[in-house]
């Protein structure tokens, strides 16, 4: 397949996926939040804004390196010098 056609199909698919995701989010919001908390319903663009804000606040916009497999296996920096690195040589 032509690379331009592939790119157009990928962008169109990503855009359709994003729109469907926002519409599902808006539908869930409008059917639960007003009933539970008494807030107003939201529009499509308000749903986009909420999702962008949530992404910024939770750090969802960061790209993690594939080399990072477990954040708990990374040693913490304590400022102490290791005995191995302190040896001359």
PDB file of N, CA and C in Angstrom:
ATOM      1  N   UNK A   1       0.846  -1.175   0.000  1.00  0.00           N
ATOM      2  CA  UNK A   1       0.000   0.000   0.000  1.00  0.00           C
ATOM      3  C   UNK A   1       0.894   1.242   0.000  1.00  0.00           C
ATOM      4  N   UNK A   2       0.432   2.280  -0.615  1.00  0.00           N
ATOM      5  CA  UNK A   2       1.163   3.534  -0.723  1.00  0.00           C
ATOM      6  C   UNK A   2       1.352   4.157   0.664  1.00  0.00           C
ATOM      7  N   UNK A   3       2.534   4.700   0.976  1.00  0.00           N
ATOM      8  CA  UNK A   3       2.765   5.300   2.307  1.00  0.00           C
ATOM      9  C   UNK A   3       1.827   6.472   2.606  1.00  0.00           C
ATOM     10  N   UNK A   4       1.469   7.235   1.594  1.00  0.00           N
ATOM     11  CA  UNK A   4       0.556   8.364   1.818  1.00  0.00           C
ATOM     12  C   UNK A   4      -0.831   7.855   2.191  1.00  0.00           C
ATOM     13  N   UNK A   5      -1.285   6.830   1.512  1.00  0.00           N
ATOM     14  CA  UNK A   5      -2.592   6.230   1.822  1.00  0.00           C
ATOM     15  C   UNK A   5      -2.582   5.639   3.221  1.00  0.00           C
ATOM     16  N   UNK A   6      -1.498   4.979   3.575  1.00  0.00           N
ATOM     17  CA  UNK A   6      -1.373   4.395   4.917  1.00  0.00           C
ATOM     18  C   UNK A   6      -1.426   5.483   5.980  1.00  0.00           C
ATOM     19  N   UNK A   7      -0.729   6.583   5.741  1.00  0.00           N
ATOM     20  CA  UNK A   7      -0.725   7.684   6.697  1.00  0.00           C
ATOM     21  C   UNK A   7      -2.109   8.295   6.838  1.00  0.00           C
ATOM     22  N   UNK A   8      -2.790   8.498   5.716  1.00  0.00           N
ATOM     23  CA  UNK A   8      -4.144   9.065   5.749  1.00  0.00           C
ATOM     24  C   UNK A   8      -5.090   8.140   6.504  1.00  0.00           C
ATOM     25  N   UNK A   9      -5.002   6.836   6.245  1.00  0.00           N
ATOM     26  CA  UNK A   9      -5.868   5.881   6.947  1.00  0.00           C
ATOM     27  C   UNK A   9      -5.559   5.858   8.444  1.00  0.00           C
ATOM     28  N   UNK A  10      -4.283   5.940   8.813  1.00  0.00           N
ATOM     29  CA  UNK A  10      -3.904   5.954  10.231  1.00  0.00           C
ATOM     30  C   UNK A  10      -4.453   7.200  10.921  1.00  0.00           C
ATOM     31  N   UNK A  11      -4.277   8.364  10.291  1.00  0.00           N
ATOM     32  CA  UNK A  11      -4.762   9.614  10.888  1.00  0.00           C
ATOM     33  C   UNK A  11      -6.285   9.591  11.003  1.00  0.00           C
ATOM     34  N   UNK A  12      -6.963   9.100   9.962  1.00  0.00           N
ATOM     35  CA  UNK A  12      -8.427   9.017   9.998  1.00  0.00           C
ATOM     36  C   UNK A  12      -8.888   8.056  11.092  1.00  0.00           C
ATOM     37  N   UNK A  13      -8.205   6.936  11.229  1.00  0.00           N
ATOM     38  CA  UNK A  13      -8.559   5.973  12.275  1.00  0.00           C
ATOM     39  C   UNK A  13      -8.326   6.534  13.667  1.00  0.00           C
ATOM     40  N   UNK A  14      -7.216   7.248  13.839  1.00  0.00           N
ATOM     41  CA  UNK A  14      -6.918   7.856  15.142  1.00  0.00           C
ATOM     42  C   UNK A  14      -7.957   8.921  15.478  1.00  0.00           C
ATOM     43  N   UNK A  15      -8.346   9.713  14.488  1.00  0.00           N
ATOM     44  CA  UNK A  15      -9.343  10.753  14.715  1.00  0.00           C
ATOM     45  C   UNK A  15     -10.707  10.157  15.061  1.00  0.00           C
ATOM     46  N   UNK A  16     -11.097   9.129  14.344  1.00  0.00           N
ATOM     47  CA  UNK A  16     -12.378   8.468  14.635  1.00  0.00           C
ATOM     48  C   UNK A  16     -12.331   7.822  16.028  1.00  0.00           C
ATOM     49  N   UNK A  17     -11.212   7.192  16.360  1.00  0.00           N
ATOM     50  CA  UNK A  17     -11.065   6.590  17.687  1.00  0.00           C
ATOM     51  C   UNK A  17     -11.146   7.629  18.792  1.00  0.00           C
ATOM     52  N   UNK A  18     -10.509   8.785  18.584  1.00  0.00           N
ATOM     53  CA  UNK A  18     -10.555   9.858  19.573  1.00  0.00           C
ATOM     54  C   UNK A  18     -11.978  10.374  19.749  1.00  0.00           C
ATOM     55  N   UNK A  19     -12.688  10.572  18.639  1.00  0.00           N
ATOM     56  CA  UNK A  19     -14.065  11.079  18.716  1.00  0.00           C
ATOM     57  C   UNK A  19     -14.959  10.082  19.447  1.00  0.00           C
ATOM     58  N   UNK A  20     -14.803   8.802  19.139  1.00  0.00           N
ATOM     59  CA  UNK A  20     -15.614   7.778  19.818  1.00  0.00           C
ATOM     60  C   UNK A  20     -15.282   7.751  21.309  1.00  0.00           C
ATOM     61  N   UNK A  21     -14.000   7.860  21.664  1.00  0.00           N
ATOM     62  CA  UNK A  21     -13.592   7.868  23.068  1.00  0.00           C
ATOM     63  C   UNK A  21     -14.225   9.045  23.808  1.00  0.00           C
ATOM     64  N   UNK A  22     -14.192  10.240  23.195  1.00  0.00           N
ATOM     65  CA  UNK A  22     -14.784  11.423  23.832  1.00  0.00           C
ATOM     66  C   UNK A  22     -16.288  11.265  23.959  1.00  0.00           C
ATOM     67  N   UNK A  23     -16.942  10.728  22.939  1.00  0.00           N
ATOM     68  CA  UNK A  23     -18.399  10.549  23.005  1.00  0.00           C
ATOM     69  C   UNK A  23     -18.794   9.541  24.085  1.00  0.00           C
ATOM     70  N   UNK A  24     -18.024   8.479  24.233  1.00  0.00           N
ATOM     71  CA  UNK A  24     -18.303   7.496  25.295  1.00  0.00           C
ATOM     72  C   UNK A  24     -18.084   8.134  26.663  1.00  0.00           C
ATOM     73  N   UNK A  25     -16.987   8.892  26.812  1.00  0.00           N
ATOM     74  CA  UNK A  25     -16.722   9.582  28.071  1.00  0.00           C
ATOM     75  C   UNK A  25     -17.856  10.545  28.404  1.00  0.00           C
ATOM     76  N   UNK A  26     -18.305  11.321  27.407  1.00  0.00           N
ATOM     77  CA  UNK A  26     -19.388  12.283  27.626  1.00  0.00           C
ATOM     78  C   UNK A  26     -20.683  11.562  28.015  1.00  0.00           C
ATOM     79  N   UNK A  27     -20.959  10.452  27.351  1.00  0.00           N
ATOM     80  CA  UNK A  27     -22.180   9.699  27.653  1.00  0.00           C
ATOM     81  C   UNK A  27     -22.141   9.179  29.093  1.00  0.00           C
ATOM     82  N   UNK A  28     -21.001   8.610  29.492  1.00  0.00           N
ATOM     83  CA  UNK A  28     -20.879   8.104  30.865  1.00  0.00           C
ATOM     84  C   UNK A  28     -21.013   9.254  31.864  1.00  0.00           C
ATOM     85  N   UNK A  29     -20.341  10.378  31.593  1.00  0.00           N
ATOM     86  CA  UNK A  29     -20.416  11.544  32.482  1.00  0.00           C
ATOM     87  C   UNK A  29     -21.866  12.016  32.616  1.00  0.00           C
ATOM     88  N   UNK A  30     -22.531  12.219  31.480  1.00  0.00           N
ATOM     89  CA  UNK A  30     -23.882  12.783  31.495  1.00  0.00           C
ATOM     90  C   UNK A  30     -24.918  11.844  32.096  1.00  0.00           C
ATOM     91  N   UNK A  31     -24.614  10.548  32.179  1.00  0.00           N
ATOM     92  CA  UNK A  31     -25.564   9.620  32.776  1.00  0.00           C
ATOM     93  C   UNK A  31     -25.259   9.276  34.224  1.00  0.00           C
ATOM     94  N   UNK A  32     -24.092   9.666  34.721  1.00  0.00           N
ATOM     95  CA  UNK A  32     -23.781   9.339  36.124  1.00  0.00           C
ATOM     96  C   UNK A  32     -23.564  10.571  36.995  1.00  0.00           C
ATOM     97  N   UNK A  33     -22.749  11.504  36.549  1.00  0.00           N
ATOM     98  CA  UNK A  33     -22.360  12.631  37.397  1.00  0.00           C
ATOM     99  C   UNK A  33     -23.550  13.525  37.775  1.00  0.00           C
ATOM    100  N   UNK A  34     -24.442  13.905  36.837  1.00  0.00           N
ATOM    101  CA  UNK A  34     -25.581  14.733  37.260  1.00  0.00           C
ATOM    102  C   UNK A  34     -26.483  14.035  38.276  1.00  0.00           C
ATOM    103  N   UNK A  35     -26.668  12.730  38.118  1.00  0.00           N
ATOM    104  CA  UNK A  35     -27.532  11.992  39.034  1.00  0.00           C
ATOM    105  C   UNK A  35     -26.894  11.829  40.413  1.00  0.00           C
ATOM    106  N   UNK A  36     -25.580  11.627  40.441  1.00  0.00           N
ATOM    107  CA  UNK A  36     -24.903  11.367  41.709  1.00  0.00           C
ATOM    108  C   UNK A  36     -24.543  12.660  42.439  1.00  0.00           C
ATOM    109  N   UNK A  37     -23.975  13.629  41.707  1.00  0.00           N
ATOM    110  CA  UNK A  37     -23.468  14.841  42.340  1.00  0.00           C
ATOM    111  C   UNK A  37     -24.315  16.078  42.073  1.00  0.00           C
ATOM    112  N   UNK A  38     -25.301  15.987  41.220  1.00  0.00           N
ATOM    113  CA  UNK A  38     -26.158  17.122  40.931  1.00  0.00           C
ATOM    114  C   UNK A  38     -25.515  18.178  40.041  1.00  0.00           C
ATOM    115  N   UNK A  39     -24.471  17.806  39.294  1.00  0.00           N
ATOM    116  CA  UNK A  39     -23.817  18.742  38.388  1.00  0.00           C
ATOM    117  C   UNK A  39     -24.535  18.756  37.042  1.00  0.00           C
ATOM    118  N   UNK A  40     -24.195  19.725  36.194  1.00  0.00           N
ATOM    119  CA  UNK A  40     -24.807  19.844  34.873  1.00  0.00           C
ATOM    120  C   UNK A  40     -24.201  18.835  33.905  1.00  0.00           C
ATOM    121  N   UNK A  41     -24.910  18.613  32.799  1.00  0.00           N
ATOM    122  CA  UNK A  41     -24.367  17.783  31.733  1.00  0.00           C
ATOM    123  C   UNK A  41     -23.313  18.581  30.971  1.00  0.00           C
ATOM    124  N   UNK A  42     -22.452  17.875  30.236  1.00  0.00           N
ATOM    125  CA  UNK A  42     -21.372  18.538  29.526  1.00  0.00           C
ATOM    126  C   UNK A  42     -21.514  18.349  28.022  1.00  0.00           C
ATOM    127  N   UNK A  43     -20.845  19.231  27.270  1.00  0.00           N
ATOM    128  CA  UNK A  43     -20.838  19.144  25.810  1.00  0.00           C
ATOM    129  C   UNK A  43     -19.613  18.346  25.355  1.00  0.00           C
ATOM    130  N   UNK A  44     -19.519  18.130  24.051  1.00  0.00           N
ATOM    131  CA  UNK A  44     -18.385  17.417  23.473  1.00  0.00           C
ATOM    132  C   UNK A  44     -17.074  18.121  23.810  1.00  0.00           C
ATOM    133  N   UNK A  45     -17.021  19.431  23.608  1.00  0.00           N
ATOM    134  CA  UNK A  45     -15.775  20.172  23.833  1.00  0.00           C
ATOM    135  C   UNK A  45     -15.424  20.262  25.315  1.00  0.00           C
ATOM    136  N   UNK A  46     -16.416  20.283  26.189  1.00  0.00           N
ATOM    137  CA  UNK A  46     -16.128  20.239  27.616  1.00  0.00           C
ATOM    138  C   UNK A  46     -15.549  18.877  28.000  1.00  0.00           C
ATOM    139  N   UNK A  47     -16.045  17.821  27.364  1.00  0.00           N
ATOM    140  CA  UNK A  47     -15.490  16.486  27.615  1.00  0.00           C
ATOM    141  C   UNK A  47     -14.044  16.404  27.151  1.00  0.00           C
ATOM    142  N   UNK A  48     -13.737  17.008  25.990  1.00  0.00           N
ATOM    143  CA  UNK A  48     -12.349  17.046  25.518  1.00  0.00           C
ATOM    144  C   UNK A  48     -11.483  17.785  26.530  1.00  0.00           C
ATOM    145  N   UNK A  49     -11.966  18.913  27.023  1.00  0.00           N
ATOM    146  CA  UNK A  49     -11.210  19.689  28.004  1.00  0.00           C
ATOM    147  C   UNK A  49     -10.954  18.923  29.289  1.00  0.00           C
ATOM    148  N   UNK A  50     -11.947  18.207  29.762  1.00  0.00           N
ATOM    149  CA  UNK A  50     -11.779  17.414  30.983  1.00  0.00           C
ATOM    150  C   UNK A  50     -10.747  16.308  30.769  1.00  0.00           C
ATOM    151  N   UNK A  51     -10.807  15.646  29.615  1.00  0.00           N
ATOM    152  CA  UNK A  51      -9.843  14.587  29.333  1.00  0.00           C
ATOM    153  C   UNK A  51      -8.422  15.129  29.202  1.00  0.00           C
ATOM    154  N   UNK A  52      -8.264  16.292  28.565  1.00  0.00           N
ATOM    155  CA  UNK A  52      -6.936  16.900  28.447  1.00  0.00           C
ATOM    156  C   UNK A  52      -6.423  17.306  29.823  1.00  0.00           C
ATOM    157  N   UNK A  53      -7.279  17.929  30.630  1.00  0.00           N
ATOM    158  CA  UNK A  53      -6.882  18.330  31.976  1.00  0.00           C
ATOM    159  C   UNK A  53      -6.500  17.117  32.825  1.00  0.00           C
ATOM    160  N   UNK A  54      -7.276  16.054  32.742  1.00  0.00           N
ATOM    161  CA  UNK A  54      -6.958  14.844  33.503  1.00  0.00           C
ATOM    162  C   UNK A  54      -5.632  14.246  33.047  1.00  0.00           C
ATOM    163  N   UNK A  55      -5.359  14.303  31.753  1.00  0.00           N
ATOM    164  CA  UNK A  55      -4.094  13.797  31.236  1.00  0.00           C
ATOM    165  C   UNK A  55      -2.919  14.614  31.754  1.00  0.00           C
ATOM    166  N   UNK A  56      -3.078  15.925  31.783  1.00  0.00           N
ATOM    167  CA  UNK A  56      -2.005  16.786  32.284  1.00  0.00           C
ATOM    168  C   UNK A  56      -1.776  16.553  33.776  1.00  0.00           C
ATOM    169  N   UNK A  57      -2.856  16.472  34.551  1.00  0.00           N
ATOM    170  CA  UNK A  57      -2.731  16.333  36.001  1.00  0.00           C
ATOM    171  C   UNK A  57      -2.180  14.974  36.426  1.00  0.00           C
ATOM    172  N   UNK A  58      -2.458  13.931  35.645  1.00  0.00           N
ATOM    173  CA  UNK A  58      -2.004  12.592  36.013  1.00  0.00           C
ATOM    174  C   UNK A  58      -0.711  12.199  35.317  1.00  0.00           C
ATOM    175  N   UNK A  59      -0.186  13.064  34.461  1.00  0.00           N
ATOM    176  CA  UNK A  59       1.056  12.746  33.771  1.00  0.00           C
ATOM    177  C   UNK A  59       0.874  11.778  32.632  1.00  0.00           C
ATOM    178  N   UNK A  60      -0.318  11.643  32.106  1.00  0.00           N
ATOM    179  CA  UNK A  60      -0.588  10.722  31.004  1.00  0.00           C
ATOM    180  C   UNK A  60       0.018  11.159  29.687  1.00  0.00           C
ATOM    181  N   UNK A  61       0.520  12.378  29.620  1.00  0.00           N
ATOM    182  CA  UNK A  61       1.103  12.886  28.384  1.00  0.00           C
ATOM    183  C   UNK A  61       2.567  12.515  28.243  1.00  0.00           C
ATOM    184  N   UNK A  62       3.158  11.916  29.254  1.00  0.00           N
ATOM    185  CA  UNK A  62       4.572  11.557  29.211  1.00  0.00           C
ATOM    186  C   UNK A  62       4.771  10.255  28.450  1.00  0.00           C
ATOM    187  N   UNK A  63       5.856  10.170  27.730  1.00  0.00           N
ATOM    188  CA  UNK A  63       6.198   8.945  27.022  1.00  0.00           C
ATOM    189  C   UNK A  63       7.282   8.245  27.826  1.00  0.00           C
ATOM    190  N   UNK A  64       7.012   7.007  28.207  1.00  0.00           N
ATOM    191  CA  UNK A  64       7.948   6.250  29.035  1.00  0.00           C
ATOM    192  C   UNK A  64       8.843   5.437  28.117  1.00  0.00           C
ATOM    193  N   UNK A  65      10.115   5.419  28.434  1.00  0.00           N
ATOM    194  CA  UNK A  65      11.083   4.663  27.655  1.00  0.00           C
ATOM    195  C   UNK A  65      10.788   3.173  27.774  1.00  0.00           C
ATOM    196  N   UNK A  66      10.953   2.421  26.697  1.00  0.00           N
ATOM    197  CA  UNK A  66      10.700   0.975  26.777  1.00  0.00           C
ATOM    198  C   UNK A  66      11.679   0.238  27.680  1.00  0.00           C
ATOM    199  N   UNK A  67      12.815   0.879  28.030  1.00  0.00           N
ATOM    200  CA  UNK A  67      13.767   0.225  28.920  1.00  0.00           C
ATOM    201  C   UNK A  67      13.284   0.190  30.365  1.00  0.00           C
ATOM    202  N   UNK A  68      12.331   1.061  30.701  1.00  0.00           N
ATOM    203  CA  UNK A  68      11.821   1.103  32.065  1.00  0.00           C
ATOM    204  C   UNK A  68      10.768   0.011  32.202  1.00  0.00           C
ATOM    205  N   UNK A  69      11.078  -0.994  32.998  1.00  0.00           N
ATOM    206  CA  UNK A  69      10.146  -2.107  33.154  1.00  0.00           C
ATOM    207  C   UNK A  69       9.471  -2.099  34.516  1.00  0.00           C
ATOM    208  N   UNK A  70      10.194  -1.671  35.540  1.00  0.00           N
ATOM    209  CA  UNK A  70       9.633  -1.682  36.883  1.00  0.00           C
ATOM    210  C   UNK A  70      10.218  -0.498  37.645  1.00  0.00           C
ATOM    211  N   UNK A  71       9.379   0.443  38.030  1.00  0.00           N
ATOM    212  CA  UNK A  71       9.894   1.641  38.696  1.00  0.00           C
ATOM    213  C   UNK A  71      10.414   1.329  40.089  1.00  0.00           C
ATOM    214  N   UNK A  72      10.000   0.204  40.661  1.00  0.00           N
ATOM    215  CA  UNK A  72      10.447  -0.136  42.001  1.00  0.00           C
ATOM    216  C   UNK A  72      11.841  -0.742  42.006  1.00  0.00           C
ATOM    217  N   UNK A  73      12.357  -1.180  40.852  1.00  0.00           N
ATOM    218  CA  UNK A  73      13.691  -1.770  40.810  1.00  0.00           C
ATOM    219  C   UNK A  73      14.772  -0.711  40.636  1.00  0.00           C
ATOM    220  N   UNK A  74      14.386   0.545  40.403  1.00  0.00           N
ATOM    221  CA  UNK A  74      15.360   1.616  40.246  1.00  0.00           C
ATOM    222  C   UNK A  74      15.829   2.044  41.630  1.00  0.00           C
ATOM    223  N   UNK A  75      17.134   2.015  41.890  1.00  0.00           N
ATOM    224  CA  UNK A  75      17.615   2.402  43.225  1.00  0.00           C
ATOM    225  C   UNK A  75      17.372   3.889  43.477  1.00  0.00           C
ATOM    226  N   UNK A  76      17.053   4.203  44.721  1.00  0.00           N
ATOM    227  CA  UNK A  76      16.811   5.592  45.100  1.00  0.00           C
ATOM    228  C   UNK A  76      18.139   6.277  45.395  1.00  0.00           C
ATOM    229  N   UNK A  77      18.199   7.552  45.077  1.00  0.00           N
ATOM    230  CA  UNK A  77      19.402   8.325  45.377  1.00  0.00           C
ATOM    231  C   UNK A  77      19.322   8.813  46.819  1.00  0.00           C
ATOM    232  N   UNK A  78      20.327   8.432  47.601  1.00  0.00           N
ATOM    233  CA  UNK A  78      20.336   8.834  49.003  1.00  0.00           C
ATOM    234  C   UNK A  78      21.442   9.829  49.299  1.00  0.00           C
ATOM    235  N   UNK A  79      22.359  10.014  48.368  1.00  0.00           N
ATOM    236  CA  UNK A  79      23.482  10.884  48.598  1.00  0.00           C
ATOM    237  C   UNK A  79      24.673  10.163  49.191  1.00  0.00           C
ATOM    238  N   UNK A  80      24.481   8.924  49.638  1.00  0.00           N
ATOM    239  CA  UNK A  80      25.569   8.138  50.213  1.00  0.00           C
ATOM    240  C   UNK A  80      26.438   7.606  49.091  1.00  0.00           C
ATOM    241  N   UNK A  81      27.716   7.473  49.365  1.00  0.00           N
ATOM    242  CA  UNK A  81      28.646   6.956  48.379  1.00  0.00           C
ATOM    243  C   UNK A  81      28.749   5.460  48.556  1.00  0.00           C
ATOM    244  N   UNK A  82      28.639   4.745  47.466  1.00  0.00           N
ATOM    245  CA  UNK A  82      28.755   3.300  47.514  1.00  0.00           C
ATOM    246  C   UNK A  82      30.185   2.894  47.785  1.00  0.00           C
ATOM    247  N   UNK A  83      30.393   1.775  48.465  1.00  0.00           N
ATOM    248  CA  UNK A  83      31.741   1.296  48.768  1.00  0.00           C
ATOM    249  C   UNK A  83      32.469   0.890  47.485  1.00  0.00           C
ATOM    250  N   UNK A  84      31.727   0.430  46.513  1.00  0.00           N
ATOM    251  CA  UNK A  84      32.340  -0.002  45.249  1.00  0.00           C
ATOM    252  C   UNK A  84      32.842   1.207  44.470  1.00  0.00           C
ATOM    253  N   UNK A  85      32.074   2.273  44.422  1.00  0.00           N
ATOM    254  CA  UNK A  85      32.490   3.445  43.682  1.00  0.00           C
ATOM    255  C   UNK A  85      33.526   4.273  44.437  1.00  0.00           C
ATOM    256  N   UNK A  86      33.658   4.048  45.749  1.00  0.00           N
ATOM    257  CA  UNK A  86      34.606   4.824  46.541  1.00  0.00           C
ATOM    258  C   UNK A  86      36.021   4.246  46.457  1.00  0.00           C
ATOM    259  N   UNK A  87      36.146   2.994  46.004  1.00  0.00           N
ATOM    260  CA  UNK A  87      37.464   2.370  45.921  1.00  0.00           C
ATOM    261  C   UNK A  87      38.264   2.982  44.774  1.00  0.00           C
ATOM    262  N   UNK A  88      39.518   3.250  45.012  1.00  0.00           N
ATOM    263  CA  UNK A  88      40.349   3.774  43.911  1.00  0.00           C
ATOM    264  C   UNK A  88      40.656   2.660  42.924  1.00  0.00           C
ATOM    265  N   UNK A  89      40.784   3.052  41.686  1.00  0.00           N
ATOM    266  CA  UNK A  89      41.219   2.007  40.812  1.00  0.00           C
ATOM    267  C   UNK A  89      40.663   2.048  39.495  1.00  0.00           C
TER     268      UNK A  89
END
